[in-house]
Amino acid sequence: MMRESPPRQWKNSTLNDLIRKIDKIGSADPTAGSDRLRSVRTQENIYVVEELVCSQEGQLRTTKSPTEIARETGISRSSVLCIVKKDLQLKTFRIFFRAKCNC
């Protein structure tokens, strides 16, 4: 394999691991459940953040910042932003929502 694709510059240990996995499982595809587990973006936390965000609709000057929501829930600010963006599929308007979401 190393001779067949020289631009890739495969390491021997990488190829050995791949061959061992194919022999054991029968495929090089990731196994079910091998992804990193969700620890913060659970259904319960999504529901809590949704309640805090959506309870502000129609009420003037009652909006909470991501920092305030994070303080109330105990979830980090960046995770609150990820929940709002990815799970609730909402767009934020305030300036302090510019932080990167590393999820």
PDB file of N, CA and C in Angstrom:
ATOM      1  N   MET A   1       0.835  -1.193   0.000  1.00  0.00           N
ATOM      2  CA  MET A   1       0.000   0.000   0.000  1.00  0.00           C
ATOM      3  C   MET A   1       0.875   1.250   0.000  1.00  0.00           C
ATOM      4  N   MET A   2       2.003   1.171   0.676  1.00  0.00           N
ATOM      5  CA  MET A   2       2.893   2.327   0.723  1.00  0.00           C
ATOM      6  C   MET A   2       3.492   2.591  -0.654  1.00  0.00           C
ATOM      7  N   ARG A   3       3.704   1.531  -1.414  1.00  0.00           N
ATOM      8  CA  ARG A   3       4.268   1.709  -2.756  1.00  0.00           C
ATOM      9  C   ARG A   3       3.215   2.196  -3.743  1.00  0.00           C
ATOM     10  N   GLU A   4       1.958   1.840  -3.508  1.00  0.00           N
ATOM     11  CA  GLU A   4       0.888   2.191  -4.437  1.00  0.00           C
ATOM     12  C   GLU A   4       0.492   3.658  -4.356  1.00  0.00           C
ATOM     13  N   SER A   5       0.627   4.265  -3.200  1.00  0.00           N
ATOM     14  CA  SER A   5       0.249   5.678  -3.066  1.00  0.00           C
ATOM     15  C   SER A   5       1.353   6.440  -2.334  1.00  0.00           C
ATOM     16  N   PRO A   6       2.484   6.709  -3.019  1.00  0.00           N
ATOM     17  CA  PRO A   6       3.594   7.401  -2.368  1.00  0.00           C
ATOM     18  C   PRO A   6       3.276   8.815  -1.887  1.00  0.00           C
ATOM     19  N   PRO A   7       2.390   9.588  -2.562  1.00  0.00           N
ATOM     20  CA  PRO A   7       2.129  10.945  -2.062  1.00  0.00           C
ATOM     21  C   PRO A   7       1.514  10.968  -0.660  1.00  0.00           C
ATOM     22  N   ARG A   8       0.831   9.891  -0.275  1.00  0.00           N
ATOM     23  CA  ARG A   8       0.176   9.863   1.028  1.00  0.00           C
ATOM     24  C   ARG A   8       1.169   9.695   2.165  1.00  0.00           C
ATOM     25  N   GLN A   9       2.265   9.045   1.943  1.00  0.00           N
ATOM     26  CA  GLN A   9       3.305   8.804   2.942  1.00  0.00           C
ATOM     27  C   GLN A   9       2.718   8.141   4.193  1.00  0.00           C
ATOM     28  N   TRP A  10       2.096   6.971   4.000  1.00  0.00           N
ATOM     29  CA  TRP A  10       1.521   6.211   5.096  1.00  0.00           C
ATOM     30  C   TRP A  10       2.624   5.737   6.033  1.00  0.00           C
ATOM     31  N   LYS A  11       2.340   5.697   7.301  1.00  0.00           N
ATOM     32  CA  LYS A  11       3.261   5.131   8.275  1.00  0.00           C
ATOM     33  C   LYS A  11       2.921   3.651   8.446  1.00  0.00           C
ATOM     34  N   ASN A  12       3.915   2.852   8.774  1.00  0.00           N
ATOM     35  CA  ASN A  12       3.694   1.420   8.956  1.00  0.00           C
ATOM     36  C   ASN A  12       2.689   1.151  10.074  1.00  0.00           C
ATOM     37  N   SER A  13       2.786   1.899  11.164  1.00  0.00           N
ATOM     38  CA  SER A  13       1.875   1.667  12.287  1.00  0.00           C
ATOM     39  C   SER A  13       0.429   1.978  11.909  1.00  0.00           C
ATOM     40  N   THR A  14       0.211   2.992  11.078  1.00  0.00           N
ATOM     41  CA  THR A  14      -1.142   3.332  10.634  1.00  0.00           C
ATOM     42  C   THR A  14      -1.721   2.214   9.790  1.00  0.00           C
ATOM     43  N   LEU A  15      -0.918   1.695   8.880  1.00  0.00           N
ATOM     44  CA  LEU A  15      -1.387   0.594   8.032  1.00  0.00           C
ATOM     45  C   LEU A  15      -1.640  -0.667   8.849  1.00  0.00           C
ATOM     46  N   ASN A  16      -0.774  -0.949   9.797  1.00  0.00           N
ATOM     47  CA  ASN A  16      -0.977  -2.126  10.643  1.00  0.00           C
ATOM     48  C   ASN A  16      -2.266  -2.013  11.453  1.00  0.00           C
ATOM     49  N   ASP A  17      -2.552  -0.820  11.978  1.00  0.00           N
ATOM     50  CA  ASP A  17      -3.790  -0.603  12.733  1.00  0.00           C
ATOM     51  C   ASP A  17      -5.011  -0.792  11.831  1.00  0.00           C
ATOM     52  N   LEU A  18      -4.936  -0.277  10.615  1.00  0.00           N
ATOM     53  CA  LEU A  18      -6.039  -0.394   9.664  1.00  0.00           C
ATOM     54  C   LEU A  18      -6.278  -1.861   9.294  1.00  0.00           C
ATOM     55  N   ILE A  19      -5.218  -2.584   9.015  1.00  0.00           N
ATOM     56  CA  ILE A  19      -5.344  -4.004   8.660  1.00  0.00           C
ATOM     57  C   ILE A  19      -5.893  -4.797   9.845  1.00  0.00           C
ATOM     58  N   ARG A  20      -5.433  -4.494  11.048  1.00  0.00           N
ATOM     59  CA  ARG A  20      -5.921  -5.170  12.249  1.00  0.00           C
ATOM     60  C   ARG A  20      -7.418  -4.911  12.438  1.00  0.00           C
ATOM     61  N   LYS A  21      -7.856  -3.694  12.179  1.00  0.00           N
ATOM     62  CA  LYS A  21      -9.267  -3.356  12.324  1.00  0.00           C
ATOM     63  C   LYS A  21     -10.111  -4.070  11.282  1.00  0.00           C
ATOM     64  N   ILE A  22      -9.626  -4.118  10.045  1.00  0.00           N
ATOM     65  CA  ILE A  22     -10.364  -4.806   8.981  1.00  0.00           C
ATOM     66  C   ILE A  22     -10.468  -6.300   9.303  1.00  0.00           C
ATOM     67  N   ASP A  23      -9.391  -6.893   9.812  1.00  0.00           N
ATOM     68  CA  ASP A  23      -9.423  -8.308  10.171  1.00  0.00           C
ATOM     69  C   ASP A  23     -10.404  -8.573  11.310  1.00  0.00           C
ATOM     70  N   LYS A  24     -10.460  -7.673  12.275  1.00  0.00           N
ATOM     71  CA  LYS A  24     -11.305  -7.871  13.446  1.00  0.00           C
ATOM     72  C   LYS A  24     -12.783  -7.625  13.138  1.00  0.00           C
ATOM     73  N   ILE A  25     -13.085  -6.511  12.462  1.00  0.00           N
ATOM     74  CA  ILE A  25     -14.470  -6.089  12.251  1.00  0.00           C
ATOM     75  C   ILE A  25     -14.976  -6.483  10.866  1.00  0.00           C
ATOM     76  N   GLY A  26     -14.084  -6.493   9.894  1.00  0.00           N
ATOM     77  CA  GLY A  26     -14.493  -6.803   8.527  1.00  0.00           C
ATOM     78  C   GLY A  26     -14.685  -5.565   7.681  1.00  0.00           C
ATOM     79  N   SER A  27     -14.459  -4.394   8.255  1.00  0.00           N
ATOM     80  CA  SER A  27     -14.640  -3.142   7.538  1.00  0.00           C
ATOM     81  C   SER A  27     -13.762  -2.075   8.183  1.00  0.00           C
ATOM     82  N   ALA A  28     -13.451  -1.045   7.400  1.00  0.00           N
ATOM     83  CA  ALA A  28     -12.672   0.067   7.934  1.00  0.00           C
ATOM     84  C   ALA A  28     -13.569   1.209   8.397  1.00  0.00           C
ATOM     85  N   ASP A  29     -14.889   1.033   8.244  1.00  0.00           N
ATOM     86  CA  ASP A  29     -15.838   2.068   8.652  1.00  0.00           C
ATOM     87  C   ASP A  29     -15.877   2.189  10.171  1.00  0.00           C
ATOM     88  N   PRO A  30     -16.201   3.381  10.677  1.00  0.00           N
ATOM     89  CA  PRO A  30     -16.317   3.544  12.130  1.00  0.00           C
ATOM     90  C   PRO A  30     -17.454   2.677  12.675  1.00  0.00           C
ATOM     91  N   THR A  31     -17.257   2.134  13.850  1.00  0.00           N
ATOM     92  CA  THR A  31     -18.285   1.303  14.459  1.00  0.00           C
ATOM     93  C   THR A  31     -19.357   2.172  15.092  1.00  0.00           C
ATOM     94  N   ALA A  32     -20.524   1.606  15.261  1.00  0.00           N
ATOM     95  CA  ALA A  32     -21.628   2.347  15.876  1.00  0.00           C
ATOM     96  C   ALA A  32     -21.283   2.647  17.324  1.00  0.00           C
ATOM     97  N   GLY A  33     -21.517   3.872  17.739  1.00  0.00           N
ATOM     98  CA  GLY A  33     -21.247   4.271  19.108  1.00  0.00           C
ATOM     99  C   GLY A  33     -19.805   4.672  19.366  1.00  0.00           C
ATOM    100  N   SER A  34     -19.019   4.798  18.310  1.00  0.00           N
ATOM    101  CA  SER A  34     -17.617   5.155  18.516  1.00  0.00           C
ATOM    102  C   SER A  34     -17.402   6.664  18.535  1.00  0.00           C
ATOM    103  N   ASP A  35     -18.469   7.416  18.288  1.00  0.00           N
ATOM    104  CA  ASP A  35     -18.364   8.876  18.327  1.00  0.00           C
ATOM    105  C   ASP A  35     -18.215   9.341  19.768  1.00  0.00           C
ATOM    106  N   ARG A  36     -17.768  10.577  19.910  1.00  0.00           N
ATOM    107  CA  ARG A  36     -17.661  11.148  21.247  1.00  0.00           C
ATOM    108  C   ARG A  36     -19.069  11.358  21.802  1.00  0.00           C
ATOM    109  N   LEU A  37     -19.258  10.999  23.045  1.00  0.00           N
ATOM    110  CA  LEU A  37     -20.567  11.105  23.659  1.00  0.00           C
ATOM    111  C   LEU A  37     -20.926  12.554  23.947  1.00  0.00           C
ATOM    112  N   ARG A  38     -22.194  12.854  23.854  1.00  0.00           N
ATOM    113  CA  ARG A  38     -22.663  14.191  24.202  1.00  0.00           C
ATOM    114  C   ARG A  38     -22.794  14.266  25.705  1.00  0.00           C
ATOM    115  N   SER A  39     -22.154  15.251  26.279  1.00  0.00           N
ATOM    116  CA  SER A  39     -22.258  15.387  27.722  1.00  0.00           C
ATOM    117  C   SER A  39     -23.050  16.634  28.107  1.00  0.00           C
ATOM    118  N   VAL A  40     -23.061  17.633  27.240  1.00  0.00           N
ATOM    119  CA  VAL A  40     -23.754  18.878  27.571  1.00  0.00           C
ATOM    120  C   VAL A  40     -24.975  19.083  26.684  1.00  0.00           C
ATOM    121  N   ARG A  41     -24.859  18.757  25.420  1.00  0.00           N
ATOM    122  CA  ARG A  41     -25.974  18.992  24.505  1.00  0.00           C
ATOM    123  C   ARG A  41     -26.971  17.841  24.564  1.00  0.00           C
ATOM    124  N   THR A  42     -27.443  17.538  25.765  1.00  0.00           N
ATOM    125  CA  THR A  42     -28.433  16.488  25.950  1.00  0.00           C
ATOM    126  C   THR A  42     -29.828  17.068  25.745  1.00  0.00           C
ATOM    127  N   GLN A  43     -30.810  16.192  25.643  1.00  0.00           N
ATOM    128  CA  GLN A  43     -32.187  16.646  25.436  1.00  0.00           C
ATOM    129  C   GLN A  43     -32.664  17.511  26.600  1.00  0.00           C
ATOM    130  N   GLU A  44     -32.275  17.162  27.805  1.00  0.00           N
ATOM    131  CA  GLU A  44     -32.698  17.951  28.971  1.00  0.00           C
ATOM    132  C   GLU A  44     -32.148  19.372  28.903  1.00  0.00           C
ATOM    133  N   ASN A  45     -30.854  19.500  28.607  1.00  0.00           N
ATOM    134  CA  ASN A  45     -30.233  20.827  28.534  1.00  0.00           C
ATOM    135  C   ASN A  45     -30.782  21.629  27.362  1.00  0.00           C
ATOM    136  N   ILE A  46     -31.051  20.960  26.253  1.00  0.00           N
ATOM    137  CA  ILE A  46     -31.636  21.655  25.098  1.00  0.00           C
ATOM    138  C   ILE A  46     -33.007  22.209  25.488  1.00  0.00           C
ATOM    139  N   TYR A  47     -33.790  21.416  26.207  1.00  0.00           N
ATOM    140  CA  TYR A  47     -35.111  21.863  26.632  1.00  0.00           C
ATOM    141  C   TYR A  47     -35.012  23.056  27.580  1.00  0.00           C
ATOM    142  N   VAL A  48     -34.072  23.012  28.526  1.00  0.00           N
ATOM    143  CA  VAL A  48     -33.902  24.104  29.497  1.00  0.00           C
ATOM    144  C   VAL A  48     -33.522  25.398  28.783  1.00  0.00           C
ATOM    145  N   VAL A  49     -32.552  25.310  27.861  1.00  0.00           N
ATOM    146  CA  VAL A  49     -32.121  26.505  27.121  1.00  0.00           C
ATOM    147  C   VAL A  49     -33.248  27.009  26.245  1.00  0.00           C
ATOM    148  N   GLU A  50     -34.000  26.103  25.638  1.00  0.00           N
ATOM    149  CA  GLU A  50     -35.124  26.514  24.788  1.00  0.00           C
ATOM    150  C   GLU A  50     -36.165  27.270  25.606  1.00  0.00           C
ATOM    151  N   GLU A  51     -36.432  26.798  26.799  1.00  0.00           N
ATOM    152  CA  GLU A  51     -37.399  27.476  27.665  1.00  0.00           C
ATOM    153  C   GLU A  51     -36.921  28.878  28.023  1.00  0.00           C
ATOM    154  N   LEU A  52     -35.629  29.021  28.309  1.00  0.00           N
ATOM    155  CA  LEU A  52     -35.106  30.337  28.675  1.00  0.00           C
ATOM    156  C   LEU A  52     -35.074  31.287  27.483  1.00  0.00           C
ATOM    157  N   VAL A  53     -34.788  30.765  26.311  1.00  0.00           N
ATOM    158  CA  VAL A  53     -34.712  31.618  25.121  1.00  0.00           C
ATOM    159  C   VAL A  53     -36.106  31.972  24.634  1.00  0.00           C
ATOM    160  N   CYS A  54     -36.972  30.993  24.532  1.00  0.00           N
ATOM    161  CA  CYS A  54     -38.301  31.223  23.958  1.00  0.00           C
ATOM    162  C   CYS A  54     -39.266  31.895  24.922  1.00  0.00           C
ATOM    163  N   SER A  55     -38.988  31.891  26.211  1.00  0.00           N
ATOM    164  CA  SER A  55     -39.879  32.550  27.157  1.00  0.00           C
ATOM    165  C   SER A  55     -39.771  34.067  27.055  1.00  0.00           C
ATOM    166  N   GLN A  56     -38.782  34.542  26.309  1.00  0.00           N
ATOM    167  CA  GLN A  56     -38.557  35.972  26.188  1.00  0.00           C
ATOM    168  C   GLN A  56     -39.297  36.579  24.998  1.00  0.00           C
ATOM    169  N   GLU A  57     -39.905  35.759  24.165  1.00  0.00           N
ATOM    170  CA  GLU A  57     -40.575  36.277  22.978  1.00  0.00           C
ATOM    171  C   GLU A  57     -41.759  37.151  23.369  1.00  0.00           C
ATOM    172  N   GLY A  58     -41.882  38.285  22.709  1.00  0.00           N
ATOM    173  CA  GLY A  58     -43.000  39.173  22.935  1.00  0.00           C
ATOM    174  C   GLY A  58     -42.872  40.063  24.161  1.00  0.00           C
ATOM    175  N   GLN A  59     -41.819  39.894  24.916  1.00  0.00           N
ATOM    176  CA  GLN A  59     -41.621  40.720  26.101  1.00  0.00           C
ATOM    177  C   GLN A  59     -40.454  41.663  25.836  1.00  0.00           C
ATOM    178  N   LEU A  60     -40.712  42.937  25.932  1.00  0.00           N
ATOM    179  CA  LEU A  60     -39.676  43.916  25.651  1.00  0.00           C
ATOM    180  C   LEU A  60     -38.658  43.986  26.781  1.00  0.00           C
ATOM    181  N   ARG A  61     -37.403  44.109  26.412  1.00  0.00           N
ATOM    182  CA  ARG A  61     -36.275  44.296  27.327  1.00  0.00           C
ATOM    183  C   ARG A  61     -36.164  43.206  28.406  1.00  0.00           C
ATOM    184  N   THR A  62     -36.510  42.009  28.044  1.00  0.00           N
ATOM    185  CA  THR A  62     -36.351  40.898  28.978  1.00  0.00           C
ATOM    186  C   THR A  62     -35.387  39.852  28.437  1.00  0.00           C
ATOM    187  N   THR A  63     -34.678  40.178  27.372  1.00  0.00           N
ATOM    188  CA  THR A  63     -33.775  39.202  26.784  1.00  0.00           C
ATOM    189  C   THR A  63     -32.600  38.947  27.702  1.00  0.00           C
ATOM    190  N   LYS A  64     -32.135  37.718  27.696  1.00  0.00           N
ATOM    191  CA  LYS A  64     -30.995  37.337  28.509  1.00  0.00           C
ATOM    192  C   LYS A  64     -29.815  37.060  27.589  1.00  0.00           C
ATOM    193  N   SER A  65     -28.668  37.427  28.052  1.00  0.00           N
ATOM    194  CA  SER A  65     -27.460  37.164  27.280  1.00  0.00           C
ATOM    195  C   SER A  65     -27.072  35.703  27.441  1.00  0.00           C
ATOM    196  N   PRO A  66     -26.228  35.197  26.567  1.00  0.00           N
ATOM    197  CA  PRO A  66     -25.758  33.819  26.717  1.00  0.00           C
ATOM    198  C   PRO A  66     -25.043  33.612  28.051  1.00  0.00           C
ATOM    199  N   THR A  67     -24.377  34.643  28.534  1.00  0.00           N
ATOM    200  CA  THR A  67     -23.689  34.542  29.821  1.00  0.00           C
ATOM    201  C   THR A  67     -24.692  34.357  30.948  1.00  0.00           C
ATOM    202  N   GLU A  68     -25.792  35.091  30.905  1.00  0.00           N
ATOM    203  CA  GLU A  68     -26.824  34.958  31.935  1.00  0.00           C
ATOM    204  C   GLU A  68     -27.486  33.583  31.884  1.00  0.00           C
ATOM    205  N   ILE A  69     -27.741  33.102  30.673  1.00  0.00           N
ATOM    206  CA  ILE A  69     -28.328  31.772  30.523  1.00  0.00           C
ATOM    207  C   ILE A  69     -27.349  30.722  31.043  1.00  0.00           C
ATOM    208  N   ALA A  70     -26.061  30.921  30.760  1.00  0.00           N
ATOM    209  CA  ALA A  70     -25.038  29.981  31.228  1.00  0.00           C
ATOM    210  C   ALA A  70     -24.974  29.966  32.754  1.00  0.00           C
ATOM    211  N   ARG A  71     -25.081  31.122  33.373  1.00  0.00           N
ATOM    212  CA  ARG A  71     -25.058  31.192  34.834  1.00  0.00           C
ATOM    213  C   ARG A  71     -26.254  30.468  35.449  1.00  0.00           C
ATOM    214  N   GLU A  72     -27.429  30.658  34.858  1.00  0.00           N
ATOM    215  CA  GLU A  72     -28.640  30.044  35.405  1.00  0.00           C
ATOM    216  C   GLU A  72     -28.632  28.530  35.255  1.00  0.00           C
ATOM    217  N   THR A  73     -28.125  28.051  34.134  1.00  0.00           N
ATOM    218  CA  THR A  73     -28.208  26.614  33.854  1.00  0.00           C
ATOM    219  C   THR A  73     -26.975  25.841  34.299  1.00  0.00           C
ATOM    220  N   GLY A  74     -25.851  26.511  34.441  1.00  0.00           N
ATOM    221  CA  GLY A  74     -24.613  25.814  34.762  1.00  0.00           C
ATOM    222  C   GLY A  74     -23.927  25.237  33.539  1.00  0.00           C
ATOM    223  N   ILE A  75     -24.403  25.603  32.363  1.00  0.00           N
ATOM    224  CA  ILE A  75     -23.818  25.164  31.091  1.00  0.00           C
ATOM    225  C   ILE A  75     -22.874  26.257  30.628  1.00  0.00           C
ATOM    226  N   SER A  76     -21.773  25.885  30.001  1.00  0.00           N
ATOM    227  CA  SER A  76     -20.825  26.892  29.546  1.00  0.00           C
ATOM    228  C   SER A  76     -21.453  27.764  28.462  1.00  0.00           C
ATOM    229  N   ARG A  77     -20.942  28.962  28.318  1.00  0.00           N
ATOM    230  CA  ARG A  77     -21.467  29.937  27.356  1.00  0.00           C
ATOM    231  C   ARG A  77     -21.371  29.401  25.940  1.00  0.00           C
ATOM    232  N   SER A  78     -20.235  28.786  25.602  1.00  0.00           N
ATOM    233  CA  SER A  78     -20.062  28.275  24.240  1.00  0.00           C
ATOM    234  C   SER A  78     -21.039  27.135  23.957  1.00  0.00           C
ATOM    235  N   SER A  79     -21.348  26.327  24.963  1.00  0.00           N
ATOM    236  CA  SER A  79     -22.321  25.251  24.767  1.00  0.00           C
ATOM    237  C   SER A  79     -23.729  25.815  24.609  1.00  0.00           C
ATOM    238  N   VAL A  80     -24.028  26.899  25.312  1.00  0.00           N
ATOM    239  CA  VAL A  80     -25.322  27.564  25.137  1.00  0.00           C
ATOM    240  C   VAL A  80     -25.443  28.061  23.699  1.00  0.00           C
ATOM    241  N   LEU A  81     -24.367  28.648  23.187  1.00  0.00           N
ATOM    242  CA  LEU A  81     -24.378  29.134  21.807  1.00  0.00           C
ATOM    243  C   LEU A  81     -24.575  27.988  20.821  1.00  0.00           C
ATOM    244  N   CYS A  82     -23.927  26.856  21.068  1.00  0.00           N
ATOM    245  CA  CYS A  82     -24.067  25.688  20.189  1.00  0.00           C
ATOM    246  C   CYS A  82     -25.496  25.151  20.222  1.00  0.00           C
ATOM    247  N   ILE A  83     -26.088  25.105  21.396  1.00  0.00           N
ATOM    248  CA  ILE A  83     -27.464  24.623  21.511  1.00  0.00           C
ATOM    249  C   ILE A  83     -28.410  25.538  20.751  1.00  0.00           C
ATOM    250  N   VAL A  84     -28.226  26.851  20.919  1.00  0.00           N
ATOM    251  CA  VAL A  84     -29.098  27.812  20.236  1.00  0.00           C
ATOM    252  C   VAL A  84     -28.948  27.694  18.726  1.00  0.00           C
ATOM    253  N   LYS A  85     -27.717  27.549  18.263  1.00  0.00           N
ATOM    254  CA  LYS A  85     -27.471  27.535  16.824  1.00  0.00           C
ATOM    255  C   LYS A  85     -27.794  26.187  16.185  1.00  0.00           C
ATOM    256  N   LYS A  86     -27.258  25.113  16.742  1.00  0.00           N
ATOM    257  CA  LYS A  86     -27.371  23.810  16.093  1.00  0.00           C
ATOM    258  C   LYS A  86     -28.659  23.067  16.426  1.00  0.00           C
ATOM    259  N   ASP A  87     -29.047  23.061  17.684  1.00  0.00           N
ATOM    260  CA  ASP A  87     -30.193  22.262  18.087  1.00  0.00           C
ATOM    261  C   ASP A  87     -31.509  23.014  17.931  1.00  0.00           C
ATOM    262  N   LEU A  88     -31.528  24.269  18.329  1.00  0.00           N
ATOM    263  CA  LEU A  88     -32.759  25.059  18.222  1.00  0.00           C
ATOM    264  C   LEU A  88     -32.878  25.743  16.868  1.00  0.00           C
ATOM    265  N   GLN A  89     -31.782  25.779  16.130  1.00  0.00           N
ATOM    266  CA  GLN A  89     -31.710  26.397  14.800  1.00  0.00           C
ATOM    267  C   GLN A  89     -32.240  27.831  14.810  1.00  0.00           C
ATOM    268  N   LEU A  90     -31.770  28.584  15.805  1.00  0.00           N
ATOM    269  CA  LEU A  90     -32.128  29.990  15.905  1.00  0.00           C
ATOM    270  C   LEU A  90     -30.931  30.836  15.533  1.00  0.00           C
ATOM    271  N   LYS A  91     -31.192  32.026  15.072  1.00  0.00           N
ATOM    272  CA  LYS A  91     -30.121  32.968  14.768  1.00  0.00           C
ATOM    273  C   LYS A  91     -30.119  34.040  15.837  1.00  0.00           C
ATOM    274  N   THR A  92     -28.923  34.436  16.230  1.00  0.00           N
ATOM    275  CA  THR A  92     -28.809  35.434  17.288  1.00  0.00           C
ATOM    276  C   THR A  92     -28.501  36.795  16.682  1.00  0.00           C
ATOM    277  N   PHE A  93     -28.914  37.844  17.380  1.00  0.00           N
ATOM    278  CA  PHE A  93     -28.791  39.190  16.844  1.00  0.00           C
ATOM    279  C   PHE A  93     -27.810  40.062  17.604  1.00  0.00           C
ATOM    280  N   ARG A  94     -27.534  39.735  18.844  1.00  0.00           N
ATOM    281  CA  ARG A  94     -26.727  40.619  19.662  1.00  0.00           C
ATOM    282  C   ARG A  94     -25.245  40.453  19.358  1.00  0.00           C
ATOM    283  N   ILE A  95     -24.481  41.499  19.608  1.00  0.00           N
ATOM    284  CA  ILE A  95     -23.067  41.539  19.256  1.00  0.00           C
ATOM    285  C   ILE A  95     -22.264  40.479  19.994  1.00  0.00           C
ATOM    286  N   PHE A  96     -22.560  40.249  21.258  1.00  0.00           N
ATOM    287  CA  PHE A  96     -21.740  39.330  22.030  1.00  0.00           C
ATOM    288  C   PHE A  96     -21.963  37.883  21.639  1.00  0.00           C
ATOM    289  N   PHE A  97     -22.803  37.600  20.675  1.00  0.00           N
ATOM    290  CA  PHE A  97     -22.998  36.251  20.183  1.00  0.00           C
ATOM    291  C   PHE A  97     -21.986  35.908  19.089  1.00  0.00           C
ATOM    292  N   ARG A  98     -20.980  36.739  18.881  1.00  0.00           N
ATOM    293  CA  ARG A  98     -20.006  36.506  17.819  1.00  0.00           C
ATOM    294  C   ARG A  98     -18.994  35.430  18.153  1.00  0.00           C
ATOM    295  N   ALA A  99     -18.988  34.917  19.359  1.00  0.00           N
ATOM    296  CA  ALA A  99     -17.966  33.944  19.761  1.00  0.00           C
ATOM    297  C   ALA A  99     -18.030  32.709  18.874  1.00  0.00           C
ATOM    298  N   LYS A 100     -16.890  32.089  18.694  1.00  0.00           N
ATOM    299  CA  LYS A 100     -16.828  30.880  17.875  1.00  0.00           C
ATOM    300  C   LYS A 100     -17.474  29.732  18.619  1.00  0.00           C
ATOM    301  N   CYS A 101     -18.165  28.914  17.886  1.00  0.00           N
ATOM    302  CA  CYS A 101     -18.788  27.735  18.458  1.00  0.00           C
ATOM    303  C   CYS A 101     -17.963  26.530  18.063  1.00  0.00           C
ATOM    304  N   ASN A 102     -17.173  25.986  18.983  1.00  0.00           N
ATOM    305  CA  ASN A 102     -16.267  24.890  18.689  1.00  0.00           C
ATOM    306  C   ASN A 102     -16.898  23.550  19.049  1.00  0.00           C
ATOM    307  N   CYS A 103     -17.981  23.220  18.352  1.00  0.00           N
ATOM    308  CA  CYS A 103     -18.649  21.966  18.652  1.00  0.00           C
ATOM    309  C   CYS A 103     -18.445  20.989  17.526  1.00  0.00           C
TER     310      CYS A 103
END
